[in-house]
């Protein structure tokens, strides 16, 4: 059964990776402006018990790859646009696209 997509307007969201080794948690979501999508903290919790802050200006919408190797998410910029990012779960590194978007609903 496929999970319901996470809305860019949510103030809290979490998703377990398909292999069960990680949990991505978006919290402390706050509207960018009244009625606008939210930004907040994106954390990765590992099955080993460690927590990693991925971003403190992430958007609420994110998704794991089927093999749990990658997490696609977006971050907000000062100009109220977003960049698409991909986290590699093996080493917790993040690659960011230079392209800008209005609102990404991943």
C-alpha atoms as a PDB file:
ATOM      1  CA  UNK A   1       0.000   0.000   0.000  1.00  0.00           C
ATOM      2  CA  UNK A   2       1.400   3.372  -1.029  1.00  0.00           C
ATOM      3  CA  UNK A   3       1.632   6.090   1.608  1.00  0.00           C
ATOM      4  CA  UNK A   4      -0.261   9.333   1.157  1.00  0.00           C
ATOM      5  CA  UNK A   5       2.057  12.113  -0.064  1.00  0.00           C
ATOM      6  CA  UNK A   6       3.218  14.663   2.486  1.00  0.00           C
ATOM      7  CA  UNK A   7       1.777  18.127   1.902  1.00  0.00           C
ATOM      8  CA  UNK A   8       4.124  21.117   1.695  1.00  0.00           C
ATOM      9  CA  UNK A   9       1.723  22.770   4.183  1.00  0.00           C
ATOM     10  CA  UNK A  10       2.155  20.138   6.946  1.00  0.00           C
ATOM     11  CA  UNK A  11       3.813  21.186  10.212  1.00  0.00           C
ATOM     12  CA  UNK A  12       4.919  17.648  11.100  1.00  0.00           C
ATOM     13  CA  UNK A  13       5.626  14.553   8.997  1.00  0.00           C
ATOM     14  CA  UNK A  14       7.631  11.361   9.268  1.00  0.00           C
ATOM     15  CA  UNK A  15       8.416   8.471   6.964  1.00  0.00           C
ATOM     16  CA  UNK A  16      10.286   5.250   7.591  1.00  0.00           C
ATOM     17  CA  UNK A  17      12.667   4.198   4.836  1.00  0.00           C
ATOM     18  CA  UNK A  18      11.572   1.083   2.901  1.00  0.00           C
ATOM     19  CA  UNK A  19      14.351  -0.993   4.510  1.00  0.00           C
ATOM     20  CA  UNK A  20      13.371   0.201   7.996  1.00  0.00           C
ATOM     21  CA  UNK A  21      16.881   1.515   8.803  1.00  0.00           C
ATOM     22  CA  UNK A  22      15.991   5.219   8.836  1.00  0.00           C
ATOM     23  CA  UNK A  23      13.144   7.529   9.754  1.00  0.00           C
ATOM     24  CA  UNK A  24      12.938  10.985   8.195  1.00  0.00           C
ATOM     25  CA  UNK A  25      11.171  13.436  10.506  1.00  0.00           C
ATOM     26  CA  UNK A  26      10.037  16.954   9.609  1.00  0.00           C
ATOM     27  CA  UNK A  27       9.177  19.039  12.660  1.00  0.00           C
ATOM     28  CA  UNK A  28       8.760  22.595  13.912  1.00  0.00           C
ATOM     29  CA  UNK A  29       6.971  23.486  10.687  1.00  0.00           C
ATOM     30  CA  UNK A  30       6.111  27.171  10.412  1.00  0.00           C
ATOM     31  CA  UNK A  31       4.375  29.004   7.564  1.00  0.00           C
ATOM     32  CA  UNK A  32       6.721  31.075   5.441  1.00  0.00           C
ATOM     33  CA  UNK A  33       3.938  33.674   5.266  1.00  0.00           C
ATOM     34  CA  UNK A  34       0.279  33.420   6.208  1.00  0.00           C
ATOM     35  CA  UNK A  35      -1.310  30.564   4.249  1.00  0.00           C
ATOM     36  CA  UNK A  36       1.983  29.631   2.573  1.00  0.00           C
ATOM     37  CA  UNK A  37       3.835  26.287   2.741  1.00  0.00           C
ATOM     38  CA  UNK A  38       5.933  25.501   5.796  1.00  0.00           C
ATOM     39  CA  UNK A  39       9.620  25.347   6.579  1.00  0.00           C
ATOM     40  CA  UNK A  40      11.211  23.563   9.510  1.00  0.00           C
ATOM     41  CA  UNK A  41      13.754  20.996  10.609  1.00  0.00           C
ATOM     42  CA  UNK A  42      14.389  17.744   8.750  1.00  0.00           C
ATOM     43  CA  UNK A  43      16.025  15.020  10.857  1.00  0.00           C
ATOM     44  CA  UNK A  44      17.139  11.482  10.069  1.00  0.00           C
ATOM     45  CA  UNK A  45      16.939   8.925  12.854  1.00  0.00           C
ATOM     46  CA  UNK A  46      18.921   5.730  12.329  1.00  0.00           C
ATOM     47  CA  UNK A  47      18.183   2.231  13.604  1.00  0.00           C
ATOM     48  CA  UNK A  48      21.471   2.525  15.545  1.00  0.00           C
ATOM     49  CA  UNK A  49      19.900   5.311  17.593  1.00  0.00           C
ATOM     50  CA  UNK A  50      21.641   8.371  16.197  1.00  0.00           C
ATOM     51  CA  UNK A  51      19.899  11.549  15.006  1.00  0.00           C
ATOM     52  CA  UNK A  52      21.174  13.763  12.183  1.00  0.00           C
ATOM     53  CA  UNK A  53      19.895  17.272  11.480  1.00  0.00           C
ATOM     54  CA  UNK A  54      19.715  17.402   7.690  1.00  0.00           C
ATOM     55  CA  UNK A  55      18.343  20.945   7.341  1.00  0.00           C
ATOM     56  CA  UNK A  56      16.787  23.648   9.478  1.00  0.00           C
ATOM     57  CA  UNK A  57      15.012  25.267   6.508  1.00  0.00           C
ATOM     58  CA  UNK A  58      13.534  22.208   4.812  1.00  0.00           C
ATOM     59  CA  UNK A  59      10.064  21.955   3.338  1.00  0.00           C
ATOM     60  CA  UNK A  60       7.610  19.377   4.669  1.00  0.00           C
ATOM     61  CA  UNK A  61       7.350  17.287   1.492  1.00  0.00           C
ATOM     62  CA  UNK A  62       9.916  14.491   1.038  1.00  0.00           C
ATOM     63  CA  UNK A  63      10.164  10.902  -0.230  1.00  0.00           C
ATOM     64  CA  UNK A  64      12.523   7.897   0.116  1.00  0.00           C
ATOM     65  CA  UNK A  65      13.852   5.993  -2.891  1.00  0.00           C
ATOM     66  CA  UNK A  66      12.618   2.382  -3.122  1.00  0.00           C
ATOM     67  CA  UNK A  67      16.057   1.085  -2.096  1.00  0.00           C
ATOM     68  CA  UNK A  68      16.373   3.505   0.890  1.00  0.00           C
ATOM     69  CA  UNK A  69      19.643   4.904  -0.454  1.00  0.00           C
ATOM     70  CA  UNK A  70      18.270   8.389  -1.118  1.00  0.00           C
ATOM     71  CA  UNK A  71      15.831  10.893   0.353  1.00  0.00           C
ATOM     72  CA  UNK A  72      14.521  13.629  -1.932  1.00  0.00           C
ATOM     73  CA  UNK A  73      13.485  16.836  -0.179  1.00  0.00           C
ATOM     74  CA  UNK A  74      13.616  20.575  -0.745  1.00  0.00           C
ATOM     75  CA  UNK A  75      15.015  23.549   1.127  1.00  0.00           C
ATOM     76  CA  UNK A  76      13.759  27.121   1.203  1.00  0.00           C
ATOM     77  CA  UNK A  77      15.901  30.065   0.118  1.00  0.00           C
ATOM     78  CA  UNK A  78      15.652  33.665   1.303  1.00  0.00           C
ATOM     79  CA  UNK A  79      13.845  34.608  -1.925  1.00  0.00           C
ATOM     80  CA  UNK A  80      11.006  32.194  -1.004  1.00  0.00           C
ATOM     81  CA  UNK A  81      11.974  29.725  -3.696  1.00  0.00           C
ATOM     82  CA  UNK A  82      13.188  26.172  -3.204  1.00  0.00           C
ATOM     83  CA  UNK A  83      16.064  23.960  -4.281  1.00  0.00           C
ATOM     84  CA  UNK A  84      15.635  20.213  -4.721  1.00  0.00           C
ATOM     85  CA  UNK A  85      18.046  18.194  -2.554  1.00  0.00           C
ATOM     86  CA  UNK A  86      19.000  14.533  -2.364  1.00  0.00           C
ATOM     87  CA  UNK A  87      20.394  12.984   0.815  1.00  0.00           C
ATOM     88  CA  UNK A  88      22.557   9.868   0.504  1.00  0.00           C
ATOM     89  CA  UNK A  89      21.675   7.751   3.525  1.00  0.00           C
ATOM     90  CA  UNK A  90      24.998   5.855   3.589  1.00  0.00           C
ATOM     91  CA  UNK A  91      27.040   8.924   4.561  1.00  0.00           C
ATOM     92  CA  UNK A  92      24.350  11.578   5.217  1.00  0.00           C
ATOM     93  CA  UNK A  93      25.709  13.862   2.495  1.00  0.00           C
ATOM     94  CA  UNK A  94      23.361  16.177   0.620  1.00  0.00           C
ATOM     95  CA  UNK A  95      23.521  17.257  -3.020  1.00  0.00           C
ATOM     96  CA  UNK A  96      21.559  20.401  -3.923  1.00  0.00           C
ATOM     97  CA  UNK A  97      20.294  21.345  -7.363  1.00  0.00           C
ATOM     98  CA  UNK A  98      21.000  24.940  -8.437  1.00  0.00           C
ATOM     99  CA  UNK A  99      17.530  25.106 -10.041  1.00  0.00           C
ATOM    100  CA  UNK A 100      14.904  27.137  -8.163  1.00  0.00           C
ATOM    101  CA  UNK A 101      11.247  26.198  -7.773  1.00  0.00           C
ATOM    102  CA  UNK A 102       8.177  27.940  -6.317  1.00  0.00           C
ATOM    103  CA  UNK A 103       6.697  25.054  -4.302  1.00  0.00           C
ATOM    104  CA  UNK A 104       7.876  21.455  -4.644  1.00  0.00           C
ATOM    105  CA  UNK A 105       5.322  18.791  -3.790  1.00  0.00           C
ATOM    106  CA  UNK A 106       7.498  15.689  -3.826  1.00  0.00           C
END
